[in-house]
PDB file of N, CA and C in Angstrom:
ATOM      1  N   MET A   1     138.888  81.639 125.555  1.00  0.00           N
ATOM      2  CA  MET A   1     137.995  82.844 125.981  1.00  0.00           C
ATOM      3  C   MET A   1     137.812  84.093 125.262  1.00  0.00           C
ATOM      4  N   GLY A   2     138.941  84.287 124.378  1.00  0.00           N
ATOM      5  CA  GLY A   2     139.205  85.335 123.626  1.00  0.00           C
ATOM      6  C   GLY A   2     138.317  85.439 122.595  1.00  0.00           C
ATOM      7  N   ARG A   3     137.951  84.253 121.896  1.00  0.00           N
ATOM      8  CA  ARG A   3     137.084  84.054 121.025  1.00  0.00           C
ATOM      9  C   ARG A   3     135.453  84.164 121.050  1.00  0.00           C
ATOM     10  N   LYS A   4     135.427  84.021 122.103  1.00  0.00           N
ATOM     11  CA  LYS A   4     133.855  84.193 122.774  1.00  0.00           C
ATOM     12  C   LYS A   4     133.645  85.399 123.146  1.00  0.00           C
ATOM     13  N   ALA A   5     134.780  86.158 123.674  1.00  0.00           N
ATOM     14  CA  ALA A   5     134.427  87.479 123.742  1.00  0.00           C
ATOM     15  C   ALA A   5     134.283  88.293 122.811  1.00  0.00           C
ATOM     16  N   ASP A   6     135.205  87.794 121.743  1.00  0.00           N
ATOM     17  CA  ASP A   6     135.019  88.560 120.191  1.00  0.00           C
ATOM     18  C   ASP A   6     133.557  88.399 119.906  1.00  0.00           C
ATOM     19  N   ARG A   7     133.412  87.191 119.880  1.00  0.00           N
ATOM     20  CA  ARG A   7     131.788  86.921 119.248  1.00  0.00           C
ATOM     21  C   ARG A   7     130.756  87.718 120.036  1.00  0.00           C
ATOM     22  N   VAL A   8     130.949  87.695 121.148  1.00  0.00           N
ATOM     23  CA  VAL A   8     129.871  88.449 122.001  1.00  0.00           C
ATOM     24  C   VAL A   8     130.029  90.023 121.595  1.00  0.00           C
ATOM     25  N   ALA A   9     131.141  90.459 121.516  1.00  0.00           N
ATOM     26  CA  ALA A   9     131.197  92.038 121.247  1.00  0.00           C
ATOM     27  C   ALA A   9     130.559  92.295 119.847  1.00  0.00           C
ATOM     28  N   LYS A  10     131.006  91.058 119.022  1.00  0.00           N
ATOM     29  CA  LYS A  10     130.238  91.350 117.546  1.00  0.00           C
ATOM     30  C   LYS A  10     128.831  91.488 117.537  1.00  0.00           C
ATOM     31  N   LEU A  11     128.218  90.361 118.374  1.00  0.00           N
ATOM     32  CA  LEU A  11     126.763  90.460 118.338  1.00  0.00           C
ATOM     33  C   LEU A  11     126.078  91.574 118.979  1.00  0.00           C
ATOM     34  N   ARG A  12     126.620  92.094 120.195  1.00  0.00           N
ATOM     35  CA  ARG A  12     126.174  93.298 120.830  1.00  0.00           C
ATOM     36  C   ARG A  12     126.420  94.434 119.670  1.00  0.00           C
ATOM     37  N   ALA A  13     127.470  94.587 119.205  1.00  0.00           N
ATOM     38  CA  ALA A  13     127.464  95.401 118.154  1.00  0.00           C
ATOM     39  C   ALA A  13     126.306  95.598 116.997  1.00  0.00           C
ATOM     40  N   ALA A  14     126.179  94.265 116.433  1.00  0.00           N
ATOM     41  CA  ALA A  14     124.995  93.852 115.522  1.00  0.00           C
ATOM     42  C   ALA A  14     123.604  94.486 116.134  1.00  0.00           C
ATOM     43  N   ALA A  15     123.348  94.036 117.440  1.00  0.00           N
ATOM     44  CA  ALA A  15     122.101  94.593 117.849  1.00  0.00           C
ATOM     45  C   ALA A  15     121.965  95.938 118.189  1.00  0.00           C
ATOM     46  N   VAL A  16     123.151  96.608 118.514  1.00  0.00           N
ATOM     47  CA  VAL A  16     123.149  98.049 118.571  1.00  0.00           C
ATOM     48  C   VAL A  16     122.690  98.651 117.511  1.00  0.00           C
ATOM     49  N   ILE A  17     123.528  98.081 116.214  1.00  0.00           N
ATOM     50  CA  ILE A  17     123.148  98.855 114.714  1.00  0.00           C
ATOM     51  C   ILE A  17     121.801  98.610 114.365  1.00  0.00           C
ATOM     52  N   ALA A  18     121.282  97.291 114.678  1.00  0.00           N
ATOM     53  CA  ALA A  18     120.100  96.905 114.454  1.00  0.00           C
ATOM     54  C   ALA A  18     118.732  98.054 114.787  1.00  0.00           C
ATOM     55  N   VAL A  19     119.074  98.195 116.334  1.00  0.00           N
ATOM     56  CA  VAL A  19     118.131  99.088 117.068  1.00  0.00           C
ATOM     57  C   VAL A  19     118.264 100.470 116.282  1.00  0.00           C
ATOM     58  N   LEU A  20     119.265 100.913 116.020  1.00  0.00           N
ATOM     59  CA  LEU A  20     119.457 102.155 115.521  1.00  0.00           C
ATOM     60  C   LEU A  20     119.162 102.245 114.141  1.00  0.00           C
ATOM     61  N   LEU A  21     119.181 101.469 113.266  1.00  0.00           N
ATOM     62  CA  LEU A  21     118.517 101.367 111.896  1.00  0.00           C
ATOM     63  C   LEU A  21     116.896 101.184 112.024  1.00  0.00           C
ATOM     64  N   GLU A  22     116.469 100.427 112.932  1.00  0.00           N
ATOM     65  CA  GLU A  22     114.923 100.526 112.859  1.00  0.00           C
ATOM     66  C   GLU A  22     114.543 101.972 113.512  1.00  0.00           C
ATOM     67  N   SER A  23     115.196 102.417 114.482  1.00  0.00           N
ATOM     68  CA  SER A  23     114.760 103.644 114.955  1.00  0.00           C
ATOM     69  C   SER A  23     114.973 104.785 114.043  1.00  0.00           C
ATOM     70  N   SER A  24     115.731 104.686 113.115  1.00  0.00           N
ATOM     71  CA  SER A  24     115.781 105.866 112.100  1.00  0.00           C
ATOM     72  C   SER A  24     114.749 105.796 110.980  1.00  0.00           C
ATOM     73  N   ASN A  25     114.220 104.402 110.803  1.00  0.00           N
ATOM     74  CA  ASN A  25     113.034 104.336 110.101  1.00  0.00           C
ATOM     75  C   ASN A  25     111.719 104.989 110.727  1.00  0.00           C
ATOM     76  N   GLY A  26     111.758 105.208 112.091  1.00  0.00           N
ATOM     77  CA  GLY A  26     110.542 105.591 112.461  1.00  0.00           C
ATOM     78  C   GLY A  26     109.983 104.449 113.266  1.00  0.00           C
ATOM     79  N   GLU A  27     110.287 103.112 113.056  1.00  0.00           N
ATOM     80  CA  GLU A  27     109.423 102.352 113.900  1.00  0.00           C
ATOM     81  C   GLU A  27     110.046 101.574 115.148  1.00  0.00           C
ATOM     82  N   VAL A  28     109.832 102.383 115.894  1.00  0.00           N
ATOM     83  CA  VAL A  28     110.039 102.191 117.044  1.00  0.00           C
ATOM     84  C   VAL A  28     109.082 101.862 118.067  1.00  0.00           C
ATOM     85  N   LEU A  29     109.331 101.069 119.304  1.00  0.00           N
ATOM     86  CA  LEU A  29     108.211 100.707 120.049  1.00  0.00           C
ATOM     87  C   LEU A  29     107.759 101.701 120.822  1.00  0.00           C
ATOM     88  N   SER A  30     106.495 102.326 120.993  1.00  0.00           N
ATOM     89  CA  SER A  30     106.151 103.340 121.708  1.00  0.00           C
ATOM     90  C   SER A  30     105.263 102.894 122.970  1.00  0.00           C
ATOM     91  N   PRO A  31     105.438 103.450 123.928  1.00  0.00           N
ATOM     92  CA  PRO A  31     104.667 103.050 125.157  1.00  0.00           C
ATOM     93  C   PRO A  31     103.158 102.780 124.910  1.00  0.00           C
ATOM     94  N   SER A  32     102.589 101.995 125.589  1.00  0.00           N
ATOM     95  CA  SER A  32     101.115 101.947 125.532  1.00  0.00           C
ATOM     96  C   SER A  32     100.430 102.976 125.899  1.00  0.00           C
ATOM     97  N   ALA A  33      99.298 103.467 125.796  1.00  0.00           N
ATOM     98  CA  ALA A  33      98.408 104.480 126.431  1.00  0.00           C
ATOM     99  C   ALA A  33      98.000 103.622 127.908  1.00  0.00           C
ATOM    100  N   PRO A  34      98.106 104.764 128.728  1.00  0.00           N
ATOM    101  CA  PRO A  34      97.802 104.142 130.282  1.00  0.00           C
ATOM    102  C   PRO A  34      96.294 103.911 130.175  1.00  0.00           C
ATOM    103  N   ARG A  35      95.761 102.637 131.060  1.00  0.00           N
ATOM    104  CA  ARG A  35      94.421 102.201 131.030  1.00  0.00           C
ATOM    105  C   ARG A  35      93.651 103.361 131.813  1.00  0.00           C
ATOM    106  N   ASP A  36      92.588 103.657 131.308  1.00  0.00           N
ATOM    107  CA  ASP A  36      91.679 104.424 132.015  1.00  0.00           C
ATOM    108  C   ASP A  36      90.723 103.469 132.954  1.00  0.00           C
ATOM    109  N   GLY A  37      89.996 104.390 133.837  1.00  0.00           N
ATOM    110  CA  GLY A  37      89.194 103.341 134.602  1.00  0.00           C
ATOM    111  C   GLY A  37      88.010 102.793 133.869  1.00  0.00           C
ATOM    112  N   GLY A  38      87.890 103.132 132.845  1.00  0.00           N
ATOM    113  CA  GLY A  38      86.599 102.510 132.252  1.00  0.00           C
ATOM    114  C   GLY A  38      85.514 103.389 132.267  1.00  0.00           C
ATOM    115  N   ASP A  39      84.276 103.026 131.875  1.00  0.00           N
ATOM    116  CA  ASP A  39      82.995 103.965 131.923  1.00  0.00           C
ATOM    117  C   ASP A  39      82.767 104.113 133.154  1.00  0.00           C
ATOM    118  N   SER A  40      81.684 105.024 133.766  1.00  0.00           N
ATOM    119  CA  SER A  40      81.256 105.010 134.849  1.00  0.00           C
ATOM    120  C   SER A  40      80.284 103.900 135.477  1.00  0.00           C
ATOM    121  N   TRP A  41      79.749 103.044 134.766  1.00  0.00           N
ATOM    122  CA  TRP A  41      79.275 102.071 135.068  1.00  0.00           C
ATOM    123  C   TRP A  41      80.193 100.872 135.668  1.00  0.00           C
ATOM    124  N   SER A  42      81.409 100.804 135.021  1.00  0.00           N
ATOM    125  CA  SER A  42      82.344  99.886 135.288  1.00  0.00           C
ATOM    126  C   SER A  42      82.825 100.451 136.884  1.00  0.00           C
ATOM    127  N   ARG A  43      83.235 101.585 137.010  1.00  0.00           N
ATOM    128  CA  ARG A  43      83.511 102.159 137.964  1.00  0.00           C
ATOM    129  C   ARG A  43      82.854 102.061 139.187  1.00  0.00           C
ATOM    130  N   ASP A  44      81.520 102.217 139.265  1.00  0.00           N
ATOM    131  CA  ASP A  44      80.593 102.256 140.071  1.00  0.00           C
ATOM    132  C   ASP A  44      80.534 100.677 140.816  1.00  0.00           C
ATOM    133  N   HIS A  45      80.568  99.887 139.896  1.00  0.00           N
ATOM    134  CA  HIS A  45      80.301  98.389 140.280  1.00  0.00           C
ATOM    135  C   HIS A  45      81.567  98.004 141.023  1.00  0.00           C
ATOM    136  N   ARG A  46      82.967  98.381 140.524  1.00  0.00           N
ATOM    137  CA  ARG A  46      84.052  97.932 140.985  1.00  0.00           C
ATOM    138  C   ARG A  46      83.907  98.558 142.778  1.00  0.00           C
ATOM    139  N   ARG A  47      83.616 100.043 142.640  1.00  0.00           N
ATOM    140  CA  ARG A  47      83.311 100.470 143.880  1.00  0.00           C
ATOM    141  C   ARG A  47      82.502  99.882 145.014  1.00  0.00           C
ATOM    142  N   VAL A  48      81.461  99.558 144.472  1.00  0.00           N
ATOM    143  CA  VAL A  48      80.665  98.711 145.105  1.00  0.00           C
ATOM    144  C   VAL A  48      81.017  97.215 145.597  1.00  0.00           C
ATOM    145  N   LEU A  49      81.577  96.966 144.866  1.00  0.00           N
ATOM    146  CA  LEU A  49      82.387  95.300 145.044  1.00  0.00           C
ATOM    147  C   LEU A  49      83.541  95.291 146.128  1.00  0.00           C
ATOM    148  N   ILE A  50      83.958  96.450 146.445  1.00  0.00           N
ATOM    149  CA  ILE A  50      85.076  96.716 147.378  1.00  0.00           C
ATOM    150  C   ILE A  50      84.498  97.284 148.464  1.00  0.00           C
ATOM    151  N   GLY A  51      83.230  97.498 148.699  1.00  0.00           N
ATOM    152  CA  GLY A  51      82.619  98.185 149.939  1.00  0.00           C
ATOM    153  C   GLY A  51      82.498  99.729 150.060  1.00  0.00           C
ATOM    154  N   ARG A  52      82.641 100.230 149.017  1.00  0.00           N
ATOM    155  CA  ARG A  52      82.859 101.656 148.786  1.00  0.00           C
ATOM    156  C   ARG A  52      81.422 102.221 148.788  1.00  0.00           C
ATOM    157  N   ARG A  53      81.140 103.564 148.442  1.00  0.00           N
ATOM    158  CA  ARG A  53      80.123 104.033 148.057  1.00  0.00           C
ATOM    159  C   ARG A  53      80.161 104.043 146.753  1.00  0.00           C
ATOM    160  N   ASN A  54      78.656 104.128 146.015  1.00  0.00           N
ATOM    161  CA  ASN A  54      78.537 104.196 144.578  1.00  0.00           C
ATOM    162  C   ASN A  54      79.120 105.421 144.239  1.00  0.00           C
ATOM    163  N   LEU A  55      79.221 105.405 142.947  1.00  0.00           N
ATOM    164  CA  LEU A  55      79.779 106.680 142.223  1.00  0.00           C
ATOM    165  C   LEU A  55      78.857 107.908 142.189  1.00  0.00           C
ATOM    166  N   PHE A  56      77.457 107.469 142.207  1.00  0.00           N
ATOM    167  CA  PHE A  56      76.762 108.496 142.429  1.00  0.00           C
ATOM    168  C   PHE A  56      76.680 109.377 143.541  1.00  0.00           C
ATOM    169  N   ARG A  57      76.965 108.522 144.762  1.00  0.00           N
ATOM    170  CA  ARG A  57      76.880 109.159 145.863  1.00  0.00           C
ATOM    171  C   ARG A  57      78.319 109.873 146.137  1.00  0.00           C
ATOM    172  N   ALA A  58      79.419 109.181 145.604  1.00  0.00           N
ATOM    173  CA  ALA A  58      80.715 109.725 145.971  1.00  0.00           C
ATOM    174  C   ALA A  58      80.827 111.035 144.901  1.00  0.00           C
ATOM    175  N   ARG A  59      80.125 111.290 143.913  1.00  0.00           N
ATOM    176  CA  ARG A  59      80.223 112.778 143.340  1.00  0.00           C
ATOM    177  C   ARG A  59      79.294 113.537 143.948  1.00  0.00           C
ATOM    178  N   THR A  60      78.264 113.324 144.614  1.00  0.00           N
ATOM    179  CA  THR A  60      77.534 114.283 144.970  1.00  0.00           C
ATOM    180  C   THR A  60      77.735 114.767 146.502  1.00  0.00           C
ATOM    181  N   ARG A  61      78.611 113.999 147.350  1.00  0.00           N
ATOM    182  CA  ARG A  61      79.297 114.520 148.614  1.00  0.00           C
ATOM    183  C   ARG A  61      79.517 116.012 148.770  1.00  0.00           C
ATOM    184  N   ARG A  62      79.097 116.717 149.612  1.00  0.00           N
ATOM    185  CA  ARG A  62      79.714 118.048 149.703  1.00  0.00           C
ATOM    186  C   ARG A  62      81.200 118.278 150.064  1.00  0.00           C
ATOM    187  N   SER A  63      81.697 117.389 150.963  1.00  0.00           N
ATOM    188  CA  SER A  63      82.961 117.383 151.572  1.00  0.00           C
ATOM    189  C   SER A  63      83.605 116.059 151.407  1.00  0.00           C
ATOM    190  N   THR A  64      85.039 115.961 151.509  1.00  0.00           N
ATOM    191  CA  THR A  64      85.465 114.889 151.687  1.00  0.00           C
ATOM    192  C   THR A  64      85.644 114.243 153.129  1.00  0.00           C
ATOM    193  N   PRO A  65      85.746 113.116 153.333  1.00  0.00           N
ATOM    194  CA  PRO A  65      85.567 112.418 154.606  1.00  0.00           C
ATOM    195  C   PRO A  65      86.901 112.689 155.438  1.00  0.00           C
ATOM    196  N   ARG A  66      86.906 112.991 156.584  1.00  0.00           N
ATOM    197  CA  ARG A  66      87.927 113.520 157.352  1.00  0.00           C
ATOM    198  C   ARG A  66      88.229 112.809 158.432  1.00  0.00           C
TER     199      ARG A  66
END
């Protein structure tokens, strides 16, 4: 069991060092930009498909539904 634990510790140390070396080079994974809703045509059609008012009516309403 001791040899296996030593091997796991060495592998873990190697992985940590590899990550540190890559991050020092500036090549780290960056989170992707959040997805936007798309253009107004796409948003309008998605709203209509789920039974809501189209985007034109939603934008021109004077007050929010209570």
